[in-house]
Amino acid sequence: MARPGRQCCQEGNCVVSQLYDLRLRIEEKIKSAGLDPMEMKGKIGLRSGKILALISPATPDDPQAIAKLKLAAREVLNLNL
């Protein structure tokens, strides 16, 4: 199943940042687990230093931010990305 945001492509020339892809995967996990999205996103944001809602398809990838977001997802959701 295609993730939301992947439709941003026009003529197949879309590049989605890794950070945005992580955001979508985290949001999918929260939804599928039936967890409170505000609480979970808040916890992840506090641990990673990134507000998930502000990560867009055009957000530049930053290796440190990616590592912090993955760690926060693992700690809060037990999700290995």
Protein backbone atom coordinates (compact mmCIF):
# COMPACT_ATOMS: atom_id res chain seq x y z
CA MET A 1 0.00 0.00 0.00
CA ALA A 2 1.38 3.40 -0.98
CA ARG A 3 2.02 5.79 1.85
CA PRO A 4 0.38 9.22 1.89
CA GLY A 5 2.74 11.84 0.57
CA ARG A 6 4.10 9.59 -2.13
CA GLN A 7 1.52 11.16 -4.43
CA CYS A 8 3.52 14.41 -4.32
CA CYS A 9 5.30 13.11 -7.39
CA GLN A 10 4.70 14.71 -10.73
CA GLU A 11 5.80 12.78 -13.77
CA GLY A 12 7.67 10.33 -11.51
CA ASN A 13 10.25 12.91 -10.42
CA CYS A 14 9.56 12.85 -6.69
CA VAL A 15 12.24 12.49 -4.09
CA VAL A 16 10.92 11.97 -0.57
CA SER A 17 13.35 12.59 2.25
CA GLN A 18 14.27 9.75 4.58
CA LEU A 19 13.03 11.85 7.48
CA TYR A 20 9.60 12.15 5.88
CA ASP A 21 9.51 8.44 5.15
CA LEU A 22 10.31 7.76 8.81
CA ARG A 23 7.52 10.13 9.85
CA LEU A 24 5.04 8.20 7.71
CA ARG A 25 6.19 4.84 9.06
CA ILE A 26 5.91 6.09 12.65
CA GLU A 27 2.42 7.48 12.01
CA GLU A 28 1.36 4.16 10.44
CA LYS A 29 2.57 2.26 13.51
CA ILE A 30 0.75 4.60 15.89
CA LYS A 31 -2.48 4.25 13.92
CA SER A 32 -2.28 0.47 13.51
CA ALA A 33 -1.57 0.02 17.22
CA GLY A 34 -4.55 2.19 18.16
CA LEU A 35 -2.37 4.51 20.24
CA ASP A 36 -3.08 8.15 21.06
CA PRO A 37 -1.33 10.01 18.21
CA MET A 38 -0.87 13.27 20.14
CA GLU A 39 0.76 11.52 23.08
CA MET A 40 2.99 9.26 21.01
CA LYS A 41 4.11 11.98 18.58
CA GLY A 42 4.79 14.27 21.55
CA LYS A 43 6.96 11.67 23.27
CA ILE A 44 8.86 10.93 20.07
CA GLY A 45 9.30 14.63 19.39
CA LEU A 46 10.68 15.28 22.88
CA ARG A 47 13.13 12.40 22.63
CA SER A 48 14.28 13.12 19.08
CA GLY A 49 14.19 16.92 19.07
CA LYS A 50 12.04 16.81 15.92
CA ILE A 51 8.38 17.80 15.69
CA LEU A 52 6.89 15.17 13.38
CA ALA A 53 4.26 17.53 11.94
CA LEU A 54 7.01 19.82 10.65
CA ILE A 55 8.75 17.08 8.66
CA SER A 56 7.66 17.42 5.03
CA PRO A 57 8.65 15.50 1.86
CA ALA A 58 11.13 18.30 1.13
CA THR A 59 12.75 18.27 4.59
CA PRO A 60 16.47 17.80 4.00
CA ASP A 61 17.92 14.60 5.38
CA ASP A 62 20.25 14.98 8.34
CA PRO A 63 22.03 11.81 9.51
CA GLN A 64 21.91 12.93 13.16
CA ALA A 65 18.19 13.70 13.02
CA ILE A 66 17.50 10.37 11.32
CA ALA A 67 19.42 8.48 14.01
CA LYS A 68 17.64 10.36 16.82
CA LEU A 69 14.22 9.78 15.27
CA LYS A 70 14.91 6.05 14.83
CA LEU A 71 16.08 5.78 18.44
CA ALA A 72 13.02 7.64 19.74
CA ALA A 73 10.70 5.38 17.72
CA ARG A 74 12.41 2.32 19.13
CA GLU A 75 12.19 3.61 22.71
CA VAL A 76 8.59 4.82 22.54
CA LEU A 77 6.94 2.40 20.12
CA ASN A 78 9.36 -0.53 20.13
CA LEU A 79 9.65 0.08 16.38
CA ASN A 80 12.88 -0.78 14.60
CA LEU A 81 13.23 1.34 11.48
